[in-house]
Amino acid sequence: MGDYHAAFTILGSIIGIISYIPYFRDILSGRTKPHPFSWFVWSLLTGTIFFAQVLNGGGVGAWISGITLIACLAITVLAFKRGEKNITTLDWSCLAAGIAGIGLWILTSQALIAVIIVTITDVIMYIPTARKSYWKPYEETLSTWILNTFKWFFSIFGLQTLSLTTALFPAAIVLANIFLITMLVIRRRRISETSPSGASGL
C-alpha cells in the first residue's frame, strides 16, 4: 500500500509543480492577474491544512499541500504587485470572512472541526477570484486550474490515512476548481461569440 500512496503523491506533486509554471509565466507577462485577497488567505489556509494533515497521519500525501503552500505564498506576493486592482465590497467581505475563519480555527483544538472551518473559508475565498473571472475570464490561466484539479484529486489517493479530517479539504478544492473552470470556459465562449476578434489565453 505504501507504493500505492507514494505513486499518487509523486504524480500529484509533479502535476502541481508543472501547473504553476504557466501561471507564473502569465502573471509576469501581464496576461493573468490573480486576486490578492484569494491567494493571501489561501496561503494561510493551505499552511493550516498542511500541518493538520501531517499531524493526523496524512504522511506523504501531505507533500502536495506543502508544494501548494510554497506556490500560494509566491503568487500572493506577485498578486499584490501585478494582480487584480479592482477590489469590491464583496471582496473585502470575503477577506473578513477568511480572517474570521482563521480566527475560529485558532480557537478550536479539534482537528476535524478545524478542517471543516478551513474548508468553508477556503471555498469562500474562491468568490473574489470567481467574481473577477466572470468579467475577465481571460485573466486567469485555465490550464493551471485544470492541472490543479487533478493534483488535488490525486492527493486524496496519496493520503496514507483516509478520513474526513485529511480528505475533506482536497475534495472541496476539486469541486470548487471544477466550478471555476466551467465558468471560465462558458464565459470565454460567450465572449468569443459576441466579439469578432475574440480573445486569447490559456
N, C-alpha and C. Protein backbone atom coordinates (compact mmCIF):
# COMPACT_ATOMS: atom_id res chain seq x y z
N MET A 1 0.82 -1.21 0.00
CA MET A 1 0.00 0.00 0.00
C MET A 1 0.86 1.27 0.00
N GLY A 2 2.07 1.13 0.60
CA GLY A 2 2.94 2.29 0.64
C GLY A 2 3.29 2.78 -0.75
N ASP A 3 3.57 1.86 -1.67
CA ASP A 3 3.90 2.23 -3.04
C ASP A 3 2.72 2.90 -3.72
N TYR A 4 1.52 2.41 -3.41
CA TYR A 4 0.30 2.96 -3.98
C TYR A 4 0.14 4.43 -3.60
N HIS A 5 0.30 4.74 -2.31
CA HIS A 5 0.18 6.12 -1.86
C HIS A 5 1.29 6.98 -2.41
N ALA A 6 2.49 6.45 -2.41
CA ALA A 6 3.64 7.21 -2.89
C ALA A 6 3.50 7.55 -4.37
N ALA A 7 2.99 6.60 -5.15
CA ALA A 7 2.83 6.81 -6.59
C ALA A 7 1.89 7.96 -6.87
N PHE A 8 0.75 7.97 -6.18
CA PHE A 8 -0.21 9.06 -6.38
C PHE A 8 0.34 10.40 -5.88
N THR A 9 1.09 10.34 -4.79
CA THR A 9 1.68 11.57 -4.25
C THR A 9 2.71 12.15 -5.20
N ILE A 10 3.57 11.29 -5.74
CA ILE A 10 4.58 11.74 -6.69
C ILE A 10 3.92 12.32 -7.94
N LEU A 11 2.90 11.61 -8.44
CA LEU A 11 2.19 12.08 -9.63
C LEU A 11 1.53 13.43 -9.37
N GLY A 12 0.84 13.53 -8.23
CA GLY A 12 0.19 14.79 -7.89
C GLY A 12 1.19 15.92 -7.70
N SER A 13 2.34 15.60 -7.08
CA SER A 13 3.36 16.61 -6.84
C SER A 13 3.94 17.13 -8.16
N ILE A 14 4.18 16.21 -9.10
CA ILE A 14 4.72 16.60 -10.40
C ILE A 14 3.72 17.49 -11.14
N ILE A 15 2.45 17.07 -11.13
CA ILE A 15 1.41 17.87 -11.78
C ILE A 15 1.31 19.24 -11.12
N GLY A 16 1.41 19.25 -9.78
CA GLY A 16 1.31 20.51 -9.06
C GLY A 16 2.41 21.48 -9.45
N ILE A 17 3.63 20.99 -9.52
CA ILE A 17 4.75 21.84 -9.90
C ILE A 17 4.59 22.37 -11.32
N ILE A 18 4.21 21.46 -12.24
CA ILE A 18 4.03 21.84 -13.63
C ILE A 18 2.90 22.86 -13.79
N SER A 19 1.84 22.69 -13.00
CA SER A 19 0.65 23.54 -13.15
C SER A 19 0.93 25.01 -12.89
N TYR A 20 1.87 25.28 -12.00
CA TYR A 20 2.13 26.67 -11.65
C TYR A 20 3.08 27.38 -12.62
N ILE A 21 3.77 26.63 -13.44
CA ILE A 21 4.70 27.25 -14.39
C ILE A 21 3.99 28.22 -15.33
N PRO A 22 2.90 27.80 -16.02
CA PRO A 22 2.22 28.76 -16.89
C PRO A 22 1.57 29.91 -16.12
N TYR A 23 1.19 29.65 -14.87
CA TYR A 23 0.55 30.70 -14.07
C TYR A 23 1.55 31.81 -13.76
N PHE A 24 2.75 31.43 -13.31
CA PHE A 24 3.77 32.43 -13.04
C PHE A 24 4.17 33.14 -14.33
N ARG A 25 4.26 32.38 -15.42
CA ARG A 25 4.61 32.97 -16.72
C ARG A 25 3.60 34.04 -17.10
N ASP A 26 2.32 33.72 -16.96
CA ASP A 26 1.28 34.66 -17.38
C ASP A 26 1.16 35.86 -16.43
N ILE A 27 1.46 35.65 -15.15
CA ILE A 27 1.45 36.78 -14.23
C ILE A 27 2.55 37.77 -14.61
N LEU A 28 3.74 37.24 -14.86
CA LEU A 28 4.87 38.09 -15.19
C LEU A 28 4.70 38.79 -16.53
N SER A 29 3.94 38.16 -17.45
CA SER A 29 3.71 38.78 -18.76
C SER A 29 2.50 39.71 -18.74
N GLY A 30 1.76 39.71 -17.64
CA GLY A 30 0.60 40.60 -17.52
C GLY A 30 -0.69 40.01 -18.04
N ARG A 31 -0.68 38.76 -18.48
CA ARG A 31 -1.90 38.14 -19.02
C ARG A 31 -2.82 37.67 -17.90
N THR A 32 -2.25 37.14 -16.85
CA THR A 32 -3.03 36.67 -15.71
C THR A 32 -2.87 37.64 -14.55
N LYS A 33 -4.00 37.99 -13.93
CA LYS A 33 -3.97 38.93 -12.81
C LYS A 33 -4.73 38.31 -11.64
N PRO A 34 -4.03 37.57 -10.80
CA PRO A 34 -4.67 36.89 -9.67
C PRO A 34 -5.24 37.88 -8.66
N HIS A 35 -6.27 37.44 -7.96
CA HIS A 35 -6.86 38.30 -6.93
C HIS A 35 -6.03 38.15 -5.66
N PRO A 36 -5.47 39.25 -5.14
CA PRO A 36 -4.58 39.15 -3.97
C PRO A 36 -5.26 38.62 -2.72
N PHE A 37 -6.54 38.97 -2.52
CA PHE A 37 -7.24 38.50 -1.32
C PHE A 37 -7.37 36.99 -1.30
N SER A 38 -7.75 36.43 -2.45
CA SER A 38 -7.92 34.97 -2.53
C SER A 38 -6.62 34.26 -2.20
N TRP A 39 -5.55 34.67 -2.86
CA TRP A 39 -4.28 33.97 -2.69
C TRP A 39 -3.66 34.20 -1.32
N PHE A 40 -3.91 35.36 -0.72
CA PHE A 40 -3.40 35.64 0.62
C PHE A 40 -4.01 34.67 1.64
N VAL A 41 -5.32 34.57 1.62
CA VAL A 41 -5.99 33.68 2.57
C VAL A 41 -5.72 32.21 2.22
N TRP A 42 -5.64 31.89 0.93
CA TRP A 42 -5.32 30.51 0.54
C TRP A 42 -3.95 30.11 1.07
N SER A 43 -3.02 31.03 1.12
CA SER A 43 -1.70 30.72 1.67
C SER A 43 -1.81 30.33 3.14
N LEU A 44 -2.57 31.12 3.89
CA LEU A 44 -2.74 30.84 5.32
C LEU A 44 -3.47 29.51 5.53
N LEU A 45 -4.51 29.29 4.73
CA LEU A 45 -5.31 28.09 4.90
C LEU A 45 -4.56 26.83 4.47
N THR A 46 -3.84 26.92 3.36
CA THR A 46 -3.09 25.75 2.89
C THR A 46 -2.03 25.36 3.90
N GLY A 47 -1.43 26.35 4.54
CA GLY A 47 -0.47 26.07 5.59
C GLY A 47 -1.13 25.34 6.75
N THR A 48 -2.35 25.77 7.09
CA THR A 48 -3.10 25.13 8.16
C THR A 48 -3.40 23.67 7.83
N ILE A 49 -3.87 23.45 6.62
CA ILE A 49 -4.21 22.09 6.19
C ILE A 49 -2.97 21.21 6.12
N PHE A 50 -1.87 21.78 5.64
CA PHE A 50 -0.64 21.01 5.53
C PHE A 50 -0.22 20.45 6.89
N PHE A 51 -0.22 21.31 7.89
CA PHE A 51 0.19 20.86 9.21
C PHE A 51 -0.85 19.94 9.84
N ALA A 52 -2.13 20.17 9.54
CA ALA A 52 -3.17 19.29 10.06
C ALA A 52 -3.03 17.89 9.47
N GLN A 53 -2.74 17.81 8.17
CA GLN A 53 -2.56 16.52 7.53
C GLN A 53 -1.34 15.79 8.09
N VAL A 54 -0.27 16.54 8.30
CA VAL A 54 0.95 15.93 8.85
C VAL A 54 0.70 15.38 10.25
N LEU A 55 0.01 16.16 11.07
CA LEU A 55 -0.23 15.76 12.45
C LEU A 55 -1.27 14.65 12.57
N ASN A 56 -2.09 14.46 11.53
CA ASN A 56 -3.15 13.45 11.59
C ASN A 56 -2.90 12.27 10.66
N GLY A 57 -1.64 12.02 10.37
CA GLY A 57 -1.29 10.81 9.64
C GLY A 57 -1.40 10.88 8.15
N GLY A 58 -1.41 12.07 7.58
CA GLY A 58 -1.51 12.20 6.13
C GLY A 58 -0.29 11.65 5.41
N GLY A 59 0.84 11.62 6.09
CA GLY A 59 2.06 11.06 5.51
C GLY A 59 2.49 11.77 4.24
N VAL A 60 2.95 10.97 3.28
CA VAL A 60 3.47 11.55 2.04
C VAL A 60 2.39 12.29 1.27
N GLY A 61 1.12 11.96 1.54
CA GLY A 61 0.03 12.65 0.85
C GLY A 61 -0.02 14.13 1.17
N ALA A 62 0.61 14.51 2.28
CA ALA A 62 0.62 15.91 2.67
C ALA A 62 1.64 16.72 1.88
N TRP A 63 2.51 16.04 1.14
CA TRP A 63 3.52 16.76 0.35
C TRP A 63 2.88 17.73 -0.63
N ILE A 64 1.76 17.32 -1.21
CA ILE A 64 1.10 18.15 -2.21
C ILE A 64 0.64 19.46 -1.59
N SER A 65 0.13 19.38 -0.36
CA SER A 65 -0.28 20.59 0.34
C SER A 65 0.93 21.49 0.59
N GLY A 66 2.07 20.87 0.90
CA GLY A 66 3.28 21.64 1.13
C GLY A 66 3.75 22.37 -0.11
N ILE A 67 3.71 21.69 -1.25
CA ILE A 67 4.08 22.31 -2.52
C ILE A 67 3.14 23.46 -2.85
N THR A 68 1.85 23.23 -2.61
CA THR A 68 0.85 24.26 -2.88
C THR A 68 1.06 25.47 -1.99
N LEU A 69 1.44 25.24 -0.75
CA LEU A 69 1.71 26.34 0.18
C LEU A 69 2.81 27.24 -0.35
N ILE A 70 3.89 26.66 -0.81
CA ILE A 70 5.01 27.45 -1.35
C ILE A 70 4.55 28.27 -2.56
N ALA A 71 3.79 27.63 -3.45
CA ALA A 71 3.30 28.32 -4.65
C ALA A 71 2.35 29.45 -4.28
N CYS A 72 1.45 29.19 -3.34
CA CYS A 72 0.48 30.21 -2.93
C CYS A 72 1.17 31.44 -2.36
N LEU A 73 2.20 31.21 -1.55
CA LEU A 73 2.93 32.34 -0.96
C LEU A 73 3.58 33.19 -2.05
N ALA A 74 4.17 32.52 -3.04
CA ALA A 74 4.83 33.25 -4.13
C ALA A 74 3.80 34.02 -4.97
N ILE A 75 2.66 33.38 -5.25
CA ILE A 75 1.62 34.04 -6.05
C ILE A 75 1.03 35.22 -5.29
N THR A 76 0.90 35.09 -3.97
CA THR A 76 0.37 36.18 -3.16
C THR A 76 1.23 37.43 -3.30
N VAL A 77 2.53 37.26 -3.22
CA VAL A 77 3.46 38.39 -3.37
C VAL A 77 3.27 39.04 -4.73
N LEU A 78 3.21 38.23 -5.78
CA LEU A 78 3.04 38.76 -7.13
C LEU A 78 1.65 39.38 -7.31
N ALA A 79 0.64 38.81 -6.66
CA ALA A 79 -0.73 39.30 -6.82
C ALA A 79 -0.88 40.73 -6.28
N PHE A 80 -0.23 41.02 -5.17
CA PHE A 80 -0.32 42.37 -4.63
C PHE A 80 0.41 43.39 -5.51
N LYS A 81 1.37 42.91 -6.31
CA LYS A 81 2.11 43.80 -7.19
C LYS A 81 1.50 43.87 -8.59
N ARG A 82 1.08 42.71 -9.11
CA ARG A 82 0.66 42.63 -10.51
C ARG A 82 -0.77 42.11 -10.69
N GLY A 83 -1.46 41.86 -9.60
CA GLY A 83 -2.78 41.23 -9.69
C GLY A 83 -3.93 42.21 -9.86
N GLU A 84 -5.13 41.71 -9.61
CA GLU A 84 -6.36 42.48 -9.75
C GLU A 84 -6.35 43.69 -8.81
N LYS A 85 -6.68 44.86 -9.37
CA LYS A 85 -6.68 46.09 -8.60
C LYS A 85 -8.09 46.57 -8.26
N ASN A 86 -9.08 46.02 -8.95
CA ASN A 86 -10.47 46.42 -8.71
C ASN A 86 -11.02 45.60 -7.54
N ILE A 87 -10.89 46.13 -6.35
CA ILE A 87 -11.33 45.45 -5.13
C ILE A 87 -12.70 45.98 -4.74
N THR A 88 -13.68 45.08 -4.64
CA THR A 88 -15.04 45.48 -4.34
C THR A 88 -15.39 45.23 -2.86
N THR A 89 -16.57 45.70 -2.49
CA THR A 89 -17.06 45.47 -1.12
C THR A 89 -17.22 43.98 -0.86
N LEU A 90 -17.66 43.24 -1.87
CA LEU A 90 -17.79 41.79 -1.74
C LEU A 90 -16.43 41.16 -1.45
N ASP A 91 -15.41 41.64 -2.11
CA ASP A 91 -14.06 41.11 -1.89
C ASP A 91 -13.61 41.35 -0.45
N TRP A 92 -13.85 42.56 0.04
CA TRP A 92 -13.48 42.89 1.42
C TRP A 92 -14.27 42.03 2.41
N SER A 93 -15.53 41.77 2.10
CA SER A 93 -16.36 40.93 2.97
C SER A 93 -15.81 39.51 3.02
N CYS A 94 -15.38 39.01 1.87
CA CYS A 94 -14.81 37.66 1.82
C CYS A 94 -13.49 37.60 2.59
N LEU A 95 -12.70 38.66 2.47
CA LEU A 95 -11.44 38.71 3.22
C LEU A 95 -11.72 38.69 4.72
N ALA A 96 -12.72 39.47 5.14
CA ALA A 96 -13.07 39.49 6.56
C ALA A 96 -13.54 38.11 7.02
N ALA A 97 -14.33 37.45 6.16
CA ALA A 97 -14.80 36.10 6.49
C ALA A 97 -13.63 35.13 6.56
N GLY A 98 -12.66 35.32 5.66
CA GLY A 98 -11.49 34.45 5.67
C GLY A 98 -10.67 34.61 6.94
N ILE A 99 -10.46 35.85 7.35
CA ILE A 99 -9.71 36.11 8.58
C ILE A 99 -10.48 35.57 9.79
N ALA A 100 -11.80 35.75 9.76
CA ALA A 100 -12.62 35.24 10.86
C ALA A 100 -12.54 33.72 10.93
N GLY A 101 -12.52 33.09 9.75
CA GLY A 101 -12.40 31.63 9.71
C GLY A 101 -11.10 31.16 10.33
N ILE A 102 -10.04 31.88 10.04
CA ILE A 102 -8.74 31.52 10.62
C ILE A 102 -8.78 31.71 12.13
N GLY A 103 -9.47 32.78 12.57
CA GLY A 103 -9.60 33.02 14.00
C GLY A 103 -10.36 31.89 14.69
N LEU A 104 -11.43 31.41 14.05
CA LEU A 104 -12.20 30.30 14.61
C LEU A 104 -11.35 29.03 14.67
N TRP A 105 -10.51 28.85 13.64
CA TRP A 105 -9.63 27.68 13.64
C TRP A 105 -8.67 27.71 14.83
N ILE A 106 -8.14 28.88 15.11
CA ILE A 106 -7.19 29.02 16.22
C ILE A 106 -7.87 28.69 17.55
N LEU A 107 -9.16 29.02 17.64
CA LEU A 107 -9.88 28.83 18.90
C LEU A 107 -10.28 27.38 19.15
N THR A 108 -10.26 26.54 18.12
CA THR A 108 -10.66 25.15 18.32
C THR A 108 -9.44 24.25 18.40
N SER A 109 -9.54 23.24 19.23
CA SER A 109 -8.44 22.30 19.41
C SER A 109 -8.72 20.97 18.73
N GLN A 110 -9.90 20.86 18.09
CA GLN A 110 -10.29 19.62 17.44
C GLN A 110 -9.95 19.69 15.95
N ALA A 111 -9.17 18.72 15.51
CA ALA A 111 -8.66 18.74 14.13
C ALA A 111 -9.78 18.75 13.10
N LEU A 112 -10.81 17.91 13.26
CA LEU A 112 -11.87 17.82 12.27
C LEU A 112 -12.63 19.14 12.16
N ILE A 113 -12.97 19.72 13.30
CA ILE A 113 -13.68 21.00 13.28
C ILE A 113 -12.82 22.06 12.61
N ALA A 114 -11.53 22.03 12.89
CA ALA A 114 -10.61 22.99 12.27
C ALA A 114 -10.61 22.84 10.76
N VAL A 115 -10.55 21.60 10.29
CA VAL A 115 -10.53 21.35 8.85
C VAL A 115 -11.84 21.79 8.20
N ILE A 116 -12.96 21.54 8.87
CA ILE A 116 -14.26 21.97 8.34
C ILE A 116 -14.30 23.49 8.19
N ILE A 117 -13.86 24.19 9.25
CA ILE A 117 -13.84 25.65 9.22
C ILE A 117 -12.93 26.15 8.10
N VAL A 118 -11.75 25.56 8.00
CA VAL A 118 -10.79 25.99 6.99
C VAL A 118 -11.31 25.70 5.59
N THR A 119 -11.98 24.57 5.41
CA THR A 119 -12.51 24.21 4.10
C THR A 119 -13.59 25.19 3.66
N ILE A 120 -14.49 25.53 4.58
CA ILE A 120 -15.54 26.51 4.27
C ILE A 120 -14.92 27.86 3.93
N THR A 121 -13.93 28.24 4.73
CA THR A 121 -13.25 29.52 4.49
C THR A 121 -12.56 29.53 3.14
N ASP A 122 -11.93 28.42 2.79
CA ASP A 122 -11.23 28.32 1.50
C ASP A 122 -12.20 28.50 0.34
N VAL A 123 -13.34 27.86 0.43
CA VAL A 123 -14.34 27.96 -0.63
C VAL A 123 -14.86 29.40 -0.74
N ILE A 124 -15.04 30.05 0.39
CA ILE A 124 -15.48 31.45 0.38
C ILE A 124 -14.48 32.31 -0.38
N MET A 125 -13.19 32.00 -0.24
CA MET A 125 -12.17 32.82 -0.89
C MET A 125 -12.09 32.58 -2.39
N TYR A 126 -12.86 31.63 -2.90
CA TYR A 126 -12.99 31.49 -4.35
C TYR A 126 -13.86 32.61 -4.92
N ILE A 127 -14.69 33.21 -4.07
CA ILE A 127 -15.65 34.21 -4.54
C ILE A 127 -14.96 35.42 -5.18
N PRO A 128 -13.93 36.04 -4.54
CA PRO A 128 -13.27 37.17 -5.21
C PRO A 128 -12.68 36.80 -6.57
N THR A 129 -12.05 35.63 -6.65
CA THR A 129 -11.48 35.18 -7.91
C THR A 129 -12.56 34.88 -8.93
N ALA A 130 -13.66 34.26 -8.49
CA ALA A 130 -14.76 33.95 -9.40
C ALA A 130 -15.43 35.23 -9.90
N ARG A 131 -15.62 36.21 -8.99
CA ARG A 131 -16.22 37.49 -9.39
C ARG A 131 -15.37 38.17 -10.44
N LYS A 132 -14.08 38.24 -10.19
CA LYS A 132 -13.16 38.86 -11.16
C LYS A 132 -13.13 38.10 -12.47
N SER A 133 -13.12 36.78 -12.36
CA SER A 133 -13.01 35.94 -13.55
C SER A 133 -14.28 35.95 -14.40
N TYR A 134 -15.41 36.21 -13.78
CA TYR A 134 -16.67 36.27 -14.55
C TYR A 134 -16.58 37.41 -15.57
N TRP A 135 -16.05 38.55 -15.12
CA TRP A 135 -15.96 39.70 -16.00
C TRP A 135 -14.69 39.70 -16.84
N LYS A 136 -13.65 39.03 -16.33
CA LYS A 136 -12.37 39.00 -17.04
C LYS A 136 -11.87 37.55 -17.11
N PRO A 137 -12.58 36.70 -17.84
CA PRO A 137 -12.24 35.27 -17.86
C PRO A 137 -10.89 34.94 -18.48
N TYR A 138 -10.33 35.88 -19.25
CA TYR A 138 -9.03 35.61 -19.86
C TYR A 138 -7.87 36.06 -18.97
N GLU A 139 -8.20 36.58 -17.79
CA GLU A 139 -7.15 36.99 -16.86
C GLU A 139 -6.87 35.91 -15.83
N GLU A 140 -7.23 34.69 -16.14
CA GLU A 140 -6.84 33.52 -15.36
C GLU A 140 -6.26 32.48 -16.32
N THR A 141 -5.30 31.72 -15.84
CA THR A 141 -4.66 30.70 -16.67
C THR A 141 -5.43 29.39 -16.51
N LEU A 142 -6.23 29.06 -17.49
CA LEU A 142 -7.14 27.92 -17.41
C LEU A 142 -6.40 26.61 -17.17
N SER A 143 -5.27 26.44 -17.85
CA SER A 143 -4.53 25.18 -17.72
C SER A 143 -4.07 24.94 -16.28
N THR A 144 -3.75 26.01 -15.57
CA THR A 144 -3.32 25.87 -14.18
C THR A 144 -4.44 25.32 -13.31
N TRP A 145 -5.64 25.84 -13.50
CA TRP A 145 -6.78 25.37 -12.70
C TRP A 145 -7.12 23.93 -13.03
N ILE A 146 -7.01 23.56 -14.29
CA ILE A 146 -7.31 22.18 -14.70
C ILE A 146 -6.29 21.22 -14.07
N LEU A 147 -5.03 21.55 -14.20
CA LEU A 147 -3.98 20.69 -13.64
C LEU A 147 -4.07 20.63 -12.12
N ASN A 148 -4.42 21.76 -11.50
CA ASN A 148 -4.56 21.77 -10.05
C ASN A 148 -5.69 20.87 -9.58
N THR A 149 -6.72 20.76 -10.39
CA THR A 149 -7.83 19.87 -10.04
C THR A 149 -7.36 18.43 -9.98
N PHE A 150 -6.57 18.04 -10.97
CA PHE A 150 -6.01 16.69 -10.97
C PHE A 150 -5.03 16.50 -9.80
N LYS A 151 -4.28 17.54 -9.51
CA LYS A 151 -3.31 17.47 -8.42
C LYS A 151 -4.01 17.14 -7.10
N TRP A 152 -5.06 17.88 -6.80
CA TRP A 152 -5.77 17.65 -5.54
C TRP A 152 -6.53 16.33 -5.55
N PHE A 153 -7.01 15.93 -6.73
CA PHE A 153 -7.70 14.64 -6.84
C PHE A 153 -6.75 13.50 -6.51
N PHE A 154 -5.56 13.56 -7.07
CA PHE A 154 -4.57 12.52 -6.80
C PHE A 154 -4.08 12.57 -5.36
N SER A 155 -4.10 13.76 -4.76
CA SER A 155 -3.63 13.89 -3.38
C SER A 155 -4.50 13.09 -2.42
N ILE A 156 -5.78 12.96 -2.76
CA ILE A 156 -6.69 12.18 -1.91
C ILE A 156 -6.25 10.72 -1.86
N PHE A 157 -5.88 10.19 -3.02
CA PHE A 157 -5.45 8.80 -3.08
C PHE A 157 -4.04 8.62 -2.51
N GLY A 158 -3.32 9.72 -2.37
CA GLY A 158 -1.98 9.64 -1.81
C GLY A 158 -1.96 9.66 -0.29
N LEU A 159 -3.08 10.01 0.32
CA LEU A 159 -3.15 10.07 1.78
C LEU A 159 -3.03 8.67 2.38
N GLN A 160 -2.12 8.52 3.32
CA GLN A 160 -1.93 7.22 3.96
C GLN A 160 -3.04 6.91 4.95
N THR A 161 -3.65 7.94 5.50
CA THR A 161 -4.81 7.77 6.36
C THR A 161 -5.96 8.54 5.74
N LEU A 162 -6.93 7.83 5.19
CA LEU A 162 -8.05 8.47 4.50
C LEU A 162 -9.20 8.64 5.48
N SER A 163 -9.49 9.88 5.82
CA SER A 163 -10.55 10.20 6.76
C SER A 163 -11.14 11.54 6.38
N LEU A 164 -12.21 11.91 7.05
CA LEU A 164 -12.82 13.21 6.77
C LEU A 164 -11.84 14.33 7.08
N THR A 165 -11.04 14.15 8.11
CA THR A 165 -10.09 15.18 8.50
C THR A 165 -9.03 15.42 7.44
N THR A 166 -8.53 14.36 6.83
CA THR A 166 -7.45 14.51 5.84
C THR A 166 -7.96 14.74 4.42
N ALA A 167 -9.17 14.26 4.10
CA ALA A 167 -9.65 14.29 2.71
C ALA A 167 -10.65 15.39 2.39
N LEU A 168 -11.28 15.97 3.41
CA LEU A 168 -12.33 16.97 3.15
C LEU A 168 -11.80 18.16 2.36
N PHE A 169 -10.67 18.70 2.78
CA PHE A 169 -10.13 19.89 2.13
C PHE A 169 -9.81 19.67 0.65
N PRO A 170 -9.00 18.65 0.30
CA PRO A 170 -8.71 18.45 -1.12
C PRO A 170 -9.94 18.14 -1.95
N ALA A 171 -10.91 17.42 -1.37
CA ALA A 171 -12.13 17.10 -2.11
C ALA A 171 -12.92 18.37 -2.41
N ALA A 172 -12.97 19.28 -1.44
CA ALA A 172 -13.70 20.53 -1.64
C ALA A 172 -13.02 21.39 -2.70
N ILE A 173 -11.69 21.37 -2.74
CA ILE A 173 -10.97 22.14 -3.74
C ILE A 173 -11.24 21.60 -5.14
N VAL A 174 -11.30 20.28 -5.27
CA VAL A 174 -11.61 19.68 -6.57
C VAL A 174 -12.94 20.20 -7.09
N LEU A 175 -13.95 20.21 -6.24
CA LEU A 175 -15.28 20.68 -6.64
C LEU A 175 -15.27 22.17 -6.95
N ALA A 176 -14.59 22.96 -6.13
CA ALA A 176 -14.53 24.41 -6.36
C ALA A 176 -13.80 24.72 -7.65
N ASN A 177 -12.73 23.98 -7.92
CA ASN A 177 -11.98 24.19 -9.17
C ASN A 177 -12.83 23.84 -10.39
N ILE A 178 -13.58 22.76 -10.29
CA ILE A 178 -14.45 22.37 -11.41
C ILE A 178 -15.46 23.47 -11.70
N PHE A 179 -16.00 24.06 -10.65
CA PHE A 179 -16.95 25.18 -10.83
C PHE A 179 -16.27 26.34 -11.54
N LEU A 180 -15.07 26.71 -11.07
CA LEU A 180 -14.37 27.85 -11.65
C LEU A 180 -13.98 27.58 -13.10
N ILE A 181 -13.51 26.38 -13.37
CA ILE A 181 -13.13 26.01 -14.73
C ILE A 181 -14.33 26.08 -15.66
N THR A 182 -15.45 25.55 -15.21
CA THR A 182 -16.67 25.57 -16.02
C THR A 182 -17.09 26.99 -16.33
N MET A 183 -17.03 27.86 -15.33
CA MET A 183 -17.41 29.25 -15.53
C MET A 183 -16.47 29.94 -16.51
N LEU A 184 -15.17 29.70 -16.39
CA LEU A 184 -14.20 30.32 -17.30
C LEU A 184 -14.46 29.89 -18.74
N VAL A 185 -14.71 28.60 -18.94
CA VAL A 185 -14.95 28.09 -20.28
C VAL A 185 -16.22 28.70 -20.88
N ILE A 186 -17.28 28.74 -20.10
CA ILE A 186 -18.55 29.30 -20.58
C ILE A 186 -18.42 30.78 -20.90
N ARG A 187 -17.79 31.53 -19.99
CA ARG A 187 -17.65 32.96 -20.21
C ARG A 187 -16.75 33.27 -21.42
N ARG A 188 -15.69 32.50 -21.59
CA ARG A 188 -14.81 32.72 -22.74
C ARG A 188 -15.55 32.43 -24.04
N ARG A 189 -16.36 31.40 -24.02
CA ARG A 189 -17.11 31.02 -25.22
C ARG A 189 -18.10 32.12 -25.58
N ARG A 190 -18.76 32.67 -24.57
CA ARG A 190 -19.74 33.72 -24.83
C ARG A 190 -19.07 34.99 -25.34
N ILE A 191 -17.91 35.31 -24.77
CA ILE A 191 -17.18 36.50 -25.24
C ILE A 191 -16.72 36.31 -26.68
N SER A 192 -16.25 35.11 -26.98
CA SER A 192 -15.80 34.81 -28.35
C SER A 192 -16.95 34.91 -29.34
N GLU A 193 -18.15 34.50 -28.90
CA GLU A 193 -19.31 34.52 -29.78
C GLU A 193 -19.79 35.93 -30.05
N THR A 194 -19.60 36.83 -29.05
CA THR A 194 -20.10 38.21 -29.21
C THR A 194 -19.06 39.17 -29.75
N SER A 195 -17.77 38.74 -29.72
CA SER A 195 -16.70 39.59 -30.21
C SER A 195 -16.03 38.94 -31.41
N PRO A 196 -16.06 39.59 -32.58
CA PRO A 196 -15.46 39.03 -33.80
C PRO A 196 -13.98 38.70 -33.61
N SER A 197 -13.28 39.56 -32.88
CA SER A 197 -11.85 39.36 -32.70
C SER A 197 -11.55 38.33 -31.62
N GLY A 198 -12.55 38.11 -30.71
CA GLY A 198 -12.38 37.14 -29.64
C GLY A 198 -11.30 37.56 -28.69
N ALA A 199 -10.70 36.59 -28.02
CA ALA A 199 -9.61 36.87 -27.09
C ALA A 199 -8.75 35.63 -27.02
N SER A 200 -7.60 35.76 -26.45
CA SER A 200 -6.70 34.61 -26.37
C SER A 200 -6.18 34.44 -24.97
N GLY A 201 -5.79 33.24 -24.63
CA GLY A 201 -5.23 32.95 -23.33
C GLY A 201 -5.55 31.54 -22.91
N LEU A 202 -4.73 31.01 -22.04
CA LEU A 202 -4.92 29.67 -21.51
C LEU A 202 -5.37 29.73 -20.07
